[in-house]
Amino acid sequence: MRLNLRHLWAMSAISASVAVSAQSITTSPAIITEDSKDIVITFHSDGGNRGLVGASASTGIYAHTGVITNLSDGQWKNAPTWGTNTEKYKLTYTGPFTWEMRIPDLREYYNITASNENIEKLAFVFRNSDGSSECKTGCGGDIFVQVFPKNFPASKEAVYPAAHPRWERKSMPMVL
């Protein structure tokens, strides 16, 4: 089967629209670095697998969150026990389908104290207070946010559909 350029553009447009519709979280700043302060994670309950789409303002939504570091072999680290309902992990309702959490300082929030340990990704699963409903990516995977080295240039907001940020998808080369 031979594909022409029109077919490739059509497939790209479909892929982009699917990715945008699967949006799970946005971040501010857009590019999170290890030295970022006052990070805002906005969770969109109508994104990802939509596991919490029916949640109302009175529903307690919590982040089950940890980090992937250069020393964790790709595994979550420093995550609370599933079902931990403390203020630290509780999100604030900000409007229809949106909830926010704030991280004042990454290393303090995730208790990373070793100077030779670098945070590479933030990991999330959002859940209701009893853990019976959860929101993950559209494919049912954990939600990851890339963390860049200190002093990496930053911008204002990033959108993370599924497990990949939108800006990352746009930068992928097209092979003809």
C-alpha atoms as a PDB file:
ATOM      1  CA  MET A   1       0.000   0.000   0.000  1.00  0.00           C
ATOM      2  CA  ARG A   2       1.392   3.344  -1.020  1.00  0.00           C
ATOM      3  CA  LEU A   3       0.689   6.440   1.073  1.00  0.00           C
ATOM      4  CA  ASN A   4       0.851   9.881  -0.393  1.00  0.00           C
ATOM      5  CA  LEU A   5       1.419  13.152   1.449  1.00  0.00           C
ATOM      6  CA  ARG A   6      -2.342  13.822   1.758  1.00  0.00           C
ATOM      7  CA  HIS A   7      -2.817  10.543   3.627  1.00  0.00           C
ATOM      8  CA  LEU A   8       0.037  11.387   5.983  1.00  0.00           C
ATOM      9  CA  TRP A   9      -1.422  14.833   6.724  1.00  0.00           C
ATOM     10  CA  ALA A  10      -4.865  13.316   7.355  1.00  0.00           C
ATOM     11  CA  MET A  11      -3.421  10.735   9.731  1.00  0.00           C
ATOM     12  CA  SER A  12      -1.462  13.464  11.536  1.00  0.00           C
ATOM     13  CA  ALA A  13      -4.596  15.584  11.963  1.00  0.00           C
ATOM     14  CA  ILE A  14      -6.549  12.622  13.349  1.00  0.00           C
ATOM     15  CA  SER A  15      -3.714  11.767  15.756  1.00  0.00           C
ATOM     16  CA  ALA A  16      -3.507  15.363  16.972  1.00  0.00           C
ATOM     17  CA  SER A  17      -7.257  15.606  17.590  1.00  0.00           C
ATOM     18  CA  VAL A  18      -7.275  12.308  19.501  1.00  0.00           C
ATOM     19  CA  ALA A  19      -4.349  13.507  21.633  1.00  0.00           C
ATOM     20  CA  VAL A  20      -6.019  16.821  22.476  1.00  0.00           C
ATOM     21  CA  SER A  21      -9.298  15.124  23.396  1.00  0.00           C
ATOM     22  CA  ALA A  22      -7.413  12.847  25.786  1.00  0.00           C
ATOM     23  CA  GLN A  23      -5.923  15.753  27.776  1.00  0.00           C
ATOM     24  CA  SER A  24      -5.466  14.759  31.421  1.00  0.00           C
ATOM     25  CA  ILE A  25      -3.468  17.544  33.057  1.00  0.00           C
ATOM     26  CA  THR A  26      -1.943  20.925  32.386  1.00  0.00           C
ATOM     27  CA  THR A  27       0.997  22.398  34.236  1.00  0.00           C
ATOM     28  CA  SER A  28       2.176  25.859  35.093  1.00  0.00           C
ATOM     29  CA  PRO A  29       4.955  26.520  34.391  1.00  0.00           C
ATOM     30  CA  ALA A  30       4.796  24.602  31.128  1.00  0.00           C
ATOM     31  CA  ILE A  31       8.270  23.194  31.457  1.00  0.00           C
ATOM     32  CA  ILE A  32       8.950  21.932  34.945  1.00  0.00           C
ATOM     33  CA  THR A  33      12.545  21.882  36.087  1.00  0.00           C
ATOM     34  CA  GLU A  34      14.024  20.478  39.276  1.00  0.00           C
ATOM     35  CA  ASP A  35      14.306  24.006  40.639  1.00  0.00           C
ATOM     36  CA  SER A  36      10.761  25.099  39.641  1.00  0.00           C
ATOM     37  CA  LYS A  37       8.775  26.680  42.473  1.00  0.00           C
ATOM     38  CA  ASP A  38       5.028  27.104  42.979  1.00  0.00           C
ATOM     39  CA  ILE A  39       4.006  24.496  40.399  1.00  0.00           C
ATOM     40  CA  VAL A  40       0.310  24.205  39.596  1.00  0.00           C
ATOM     41  CA  ILE A  41      -1.008  20.873  38.323  1.00  0.00           C
ATOM     42  CA  THR A  42      -4.500  21.203  36.844  1.00  0.00           C
ATOM     43  CA  PHE A  43      -6.342  17.901  36.506  1.00  0.00           C
ATOM     44  CA  HIS A  44      -9.083  17.634  33.851  1.00  0.00           C
ATOM     45  CA  SER A  45     -11.520  14.898  34.896  1.00  0.00           C
ATOM     46  CA  ASP A  46     -12.986  14.811  31.379  1.00  0.00           C
ATOM     47  CA  GLY A  47      -9.607  13.765  29.952  1.00  0.00           C
ATOM     48  CA  GLY A  48      -7.663  10.537  30.014  1.00  0.00           C
ATOM     49  CA  ASN A  49      -9.830   7.494  30.704  1.00  0.00           C
ATOM     50  CA  ARG A  50     -12.545   9.785  32.166  1.00  0.00           C
ATOM     51  CA  GLY A  51     -12.653   7.707  35.349  1.00  0.00           C
ATOM     52  CA  LEU A  52     -13.660  10.725  37.461  1.00  0.00           C
ATOM     53  CA  VAL A  53     -15.763  12.622  34.910  1.00  0.00           C
ATOM     54  CA  GLY A  54     -18.854  12.533  37.155  1.00  0.00           C
ATOM     55  CA  ALA A  55     -17.072  14.053  40.164  1.00  0.00           C
ATOM     56  CA  SER A  56     -18.709  17.169  41.587  1.00  0.00           C
ATOM     57  CA  ALA A  57     -17.349  20.054  43.656  1.00  0.00           C
ATOM     58  CA  SER A  58     -18.200  18.134  46.840  1.00  0.00           C
ATOM     59  CA  THR A  59     -16.272  15.023  45.745  1.00  0.00           C
ATOM     60  CA  GLY A  60     -12.882  14.622  47.363  1.00  0.00           C
ATOM     61  CA  ILE A  61     -10.302  14.134  44.599  1.00  0.00           C
ATOM     62  CA  TYR A  62      -6.781  13.101  45.568  1.00  0.00           C
ATOM     63  CA  ALA A  63      -3.515  12.703  43.697  1.00  0.00           C
ATOM     64  CA  HIS A  64      -1.681   9.451  44.153  1.00  0.00           C
ATOM     65  CA  THR A  65       1.686  10.865  43.151  1.00  0.00           C
ATOM     66  CA  GLY A  66       5.354  10.030  43.236  1.00  0.00           C
ATOM     67  CA  VAL A  67       8.504  10.614  41.229  1.00  0.00           C
ATOM     68  CA  ILE A  68      10.762   8.746  38.861  1.00  0.00           C
ATOM     69  CA  THR A  69      14.401   9.592  39.586  1.00  0.00           C
ATOM     70  CA  ASN A  70      17.766   8.691  38.146  1.00  0.00           C
ATOM     71  CA  LEU A  71      18.100   6.258  41.080  1.00  0.00           C
ATOM     72  CA  SER A  72      14.658   4.595  40.973  1.00  0.00           C
ATOM     73  CA  ASP A  73      15.093   2.304  37.932  1.00  0.00           C
ATOM     74  CA  GLY A  74      11.942   3.691  36.292  1.00  0.00           C
ATOM     75  CA  GLN A  75       9.772   2.855  39.317  1.00  0.00           C
ATOM     76  CA  TRP A  76       7.607   5.288  41.302  1.00  0.00           C
ATOM     77  CA  LYS A  77       9.330   6.610  44.395  1.00  0.00           C
ATOM     78  CA  ASN A  78       8.103   8.489  47.483  1.00  0.00           C
ATOM     79  CA  ALA A  79       4.414   7.942  46.738  1.00  0.00           C
ATOM     80  CA  PRO A  80       1.944   7.751  49.624  1.00  0.00           C
ATOM     81  CA  THR A  81       0.110   4.538  50.438  1.00  0.00           C
ATOM     82  CA  TRP A  82      -2.945   4.158  48.158  1.00  0.00           C
ATOM     83  CA  GLY A  83      -5.918   5.751  49.887  1.00  0.00           C
ATOM     84  CA  THR A  84      -3.945   8.360  51.849  1.00  0.00           C
ATOM     85  CA  ASN A  85      -6.410  11.236  52.229  1.00  0.00           C
ATOM     86  CA  THR A  86      -4.330  14.096  53.589  1.00  0.00           C
ATOM     87  CA  GLU A  87      -4.493  17.766  52.606  1.00  0.00           C
ATOM     88  CA  LYS A  88      -1.107  17.426  50.897  1.00  0.00           C
ATOM     89  CA  TYR A  89      -2.659  15.235  48.186  1.00  0.00           C
ATOM     90  CA  LYS A  90      -6.173  16.731  48.028  1.00  0.00           C
ATOM     91  CA  LEU A  91      -7.064  18.720  44.914  1.00  0.00           C
ATOM     92  CA  THR A  92      -9.119  21.903  44.938  1.00  0.00           C
ATOM     93  CA  TYR A  93     -12.180  22.122  42.678  1.00  0.00           C
ATOM     94  CA  THR A  94     -11.781  25.099  40.298  1.00  0.00           C
ATOM     95  CA  GLY A  95     -14.665  24.613  37.845  1.00  0.00           C
ATOM     96  CA  PRO A  96     -16.462  22.052  35.716  1.00  0.00           C
ATOM     97  CA  PHE A  97     -14.139  19.067  35.200  1.00  0.00           C
ATOM     98  CA  THR A  98     -11.097  20.905  36.651  1.00  0.00           C
ATOM     99  CA  TRP A  99      -9.189  20.464  39.892  1.00  0.00           C
ATOM    100  CA  GLU A 100      -5.863  21.899  41.029  1.00  0.00           C
ATOM    101  CA  MET A 101      -2.995  20.966  43.259  1.00  0.00           C
ATOM    102  CA  ARG A 102       0.022  23.077  44.121  1.00  0.00           C
ATOM    103  CA  ILE A 103       3.576  21.937  44.676  1.00  0.00           C
ATOM    104  CA  PRO A 104       5.619  24.715  46.320  1.00  0.00           C
ATOM    105  CA  ASP A 105       8.988  22.936  45.915  1.00  0.00           C
ATOM    106  CA  LEU A 106       9.515  19.600  44.113  1.00  0.00           C
ATOM    107  CA  ARG A 107      12.369  18.243  46.193  1.00  0.00           C
ATOM    108  CA  GLU A 108      10.638  19.083  49.473  1.00  0.00           C
ATOM    109  CA  TYR A 109       7.195  17.854  48.359  1.00  0.00           C
ATOM    110  CA  TYR A 110       8.556  14.482  47.255  1.00  0.00           C
ATOM    111  CA  ASN A 111      11.191  14.300  50.026  1.00  0.00           C
ATOM    112  CA  ILE A 112      14.202  14.038  47.704  1.00  0.00           C
ATOM    113  CA  THR A 113      17.188  14.877  49.904  1.00  0.00           C
ATOM    114  CA  ALA A 114      20.203  13.209  48.251  1.00  0.00           C
ATOM    115  CA  SER A 115      22.172  15.713  46.177  1.00  0.00           C
ATOM    116  CA  ASN A 116      23.034  13.025  43.593  1.00  0.00           C
ATOM    117  CA  GLU A 117      19.361  12.149  43.002  1.00  0.00           C
ATOM    118  CA  ASN A 118      17.591  13.953  40.150  1.00  0.00           C
ATOM    119  CA  ILE A 119      13.846  14.013  39.555  1.00  0.00           C
ATOM    120  CA  GLU A 120      13.129  12.911  35.972  1.00  0.00           C
ATOM    121  CA  LYS A 121       9.321  12.595  35.990  1.00  0.00           C
ATOM    122  CA  LEU A 122       6.310  13.266  38.171  1.00  0.00           C
ATOM    123  CA  ALA A 123       3.867  10.348  38.261  1.00  0.00           C
ATOM    124  CA  PHE A 124       0.119  10.632  38.902  1.00  0.00           C
ATOM    125  CA  VAL A 125      -3.093   8.673  39.240  1.00  0.00           C
ATOM    126  CA  PHE A 126      -6.084  10.741  40.357  1.00  0.00           C
ATOM    127  CA  ARG A 127      -8.728   9.058  42.526  1.00  0.00           C
ATOM    128  CA  ASN A 128     -11.790   9.682  44.650  1.00  0.00           C
ATOM    129  CA  SER A 129     -11.549   9.556  48.448  1.00  0.00           C
ATOM    130  CA  ASP A 130     -12.187   5.815  48.819  1.00  0.00           C
ATOM    131  CA  GLY A 131     -10.096   4.853  45.771  1.00  0.00           C
ATOM    132  CA  SER A 132     -13.016   3.159  44.013  1.00  0.00           C
ATOM    133  CA  SER A 133     -12.730   5.448  40.953  1.00  0.00           C
ATOM    134  CA  GLU A 134      -9.547   6.660  39.323  1.00  0.00           C
ATOM    135  CA  CYS A 135      -8.387   8.627  36.313  1.00  0.00           C
ATOM    136  CA  LYS A 136      -5.380   7.575  34.272  1.00  0.00           C
ATOM    137  CA  THR A 137      -4.378   8.101  30.639  1.00  0.00           C
ATOM    138  CA  GLY A 138      -6.797   7.228  27.848  1.00  0.00           C
ATOM    139  CA  CYS A 139      -5.003   3.869  27.583  1.00  0.00           C
ATOM    140  CA  GLY A 140      -5.273   3.199  31.323  1.00  0.00           C
ATOM    141  CA  GLY A 141      -1.641   4.006  32.123  1.00  0.00           C
ATOM    142  CA  ASP A 142      -0.152   6.250  34.766  1.00  0.00           C
ATOM    143  CA  ILE A 143       0.180   9.960  33.948  1.00  0.00           C
ATOM    144  CA  PHE A 144       3.757  11.249  33.726  1.00  0.00           C
ATOM    145  CA  VAL A 145       5.139  14.779  33.521  1.00  0.00           C
ATOM    146  CA  GLN A 146       8.718  15.257  32.354  1.00  0.00           C
ATOM    147  CA  VAL A 147      10.988  17.176  34.732  1.00  0.00           C
ATOM    148  CA  PHE A 148      13.951  18.903  33.118  1.00  0.00           C
ATOM    149  CA  PRO A 149      17.336  19.771  34.662  1.00  0.00           C
ATOM    150  CA  LYS A 150      17.794  22.956  36.677  1.00  0.00           C
ATOM    151  CA  ASN A 151      17.909  26.204  34.670  1.00  0.00           C
ATOM    152  CA  PHE A 152      16.234  24.656  31.606  1.00  0.00           C
ATOM    153  CA  PRO A 153      14.229  27.408  29.778  1.00  0.00           C
ATOM    154  CA  ALA A 154      10.553  27.470  30.816  1.00  0.00           C
ATOM    155  CA  SER A 155       7.278  28.788  29.386  1.00  0.00           C
ATOM    156  CA  LYS A 156       3.775  29.359  30.786  1.00  0.00           C
ATOM    157  CA  GLU A 157       1.559  26.265  30.307  1.00  0.00           C
ATOM    158  CA  ALA A 158       1.815  22.721  28.976  1.00  0.00           C
ATOM    159  CA  VAL A 159      -0.924  20.262  28.064  1.00  0.00           C
ATOM    160  CA  TYR A 160      -0.357  16.594  28.799  1.00  0.00           C
ATOM    161  CA  PRO A 161      -2.706  14.399  26.758  1.00  0.00           C
ATOM    162  CA  ALA A 162      -2.399  10.760  27.662  1.00  0.00           C
ATOM    163  CA  ALA A 163       1.195  10.211  28.763  1.00  0.00           C
ATOM    164  CA  HIS A 164       2.865  12.674  26.379  1.00  0.00           C
ATOM    165  CA  PRO A 165       2.903  16.478  26.403  1.00  0.00           C
ATOM    166  CA  ARG A 166       1.412  18.165  23.330  1.00  0.00           C
ATOM    167  CA  TRP A 167       4.592  20.112  22.612  1.00  0.00           C
ATOM    168  CA  GLU A 168       6.518  16.824  22.553  1.00  0.00           C
ATOM    169  CA  ARG A 169       4.186  15.377  19.918  1.00  0.00           C
ATOM    170  CA  LYS A 170       4.541  18.469  17.719  1.00  0.00           C
ATOM    171  CA  SER A 171       8.312  18.200  17.743  1.00  0.00           C
ATOM    172  CA  MET A 172       8.337  14.636  16.401  1.00  0.00           C
ATOM    173  CA  PRO A 173       9.878  14.453  12.920  1.00  0.00           C
ATOM    174  CA  MET A 174       7.715  13.231  10.046  1.00  0.00           C
ATOM    175  CA  VAL A 175       9.353  10.488   8.030  1.00  0.00           C
ATOM    176  CA  LEU A 176       8.290  10.349   4.389  1.00  0.00           C
END
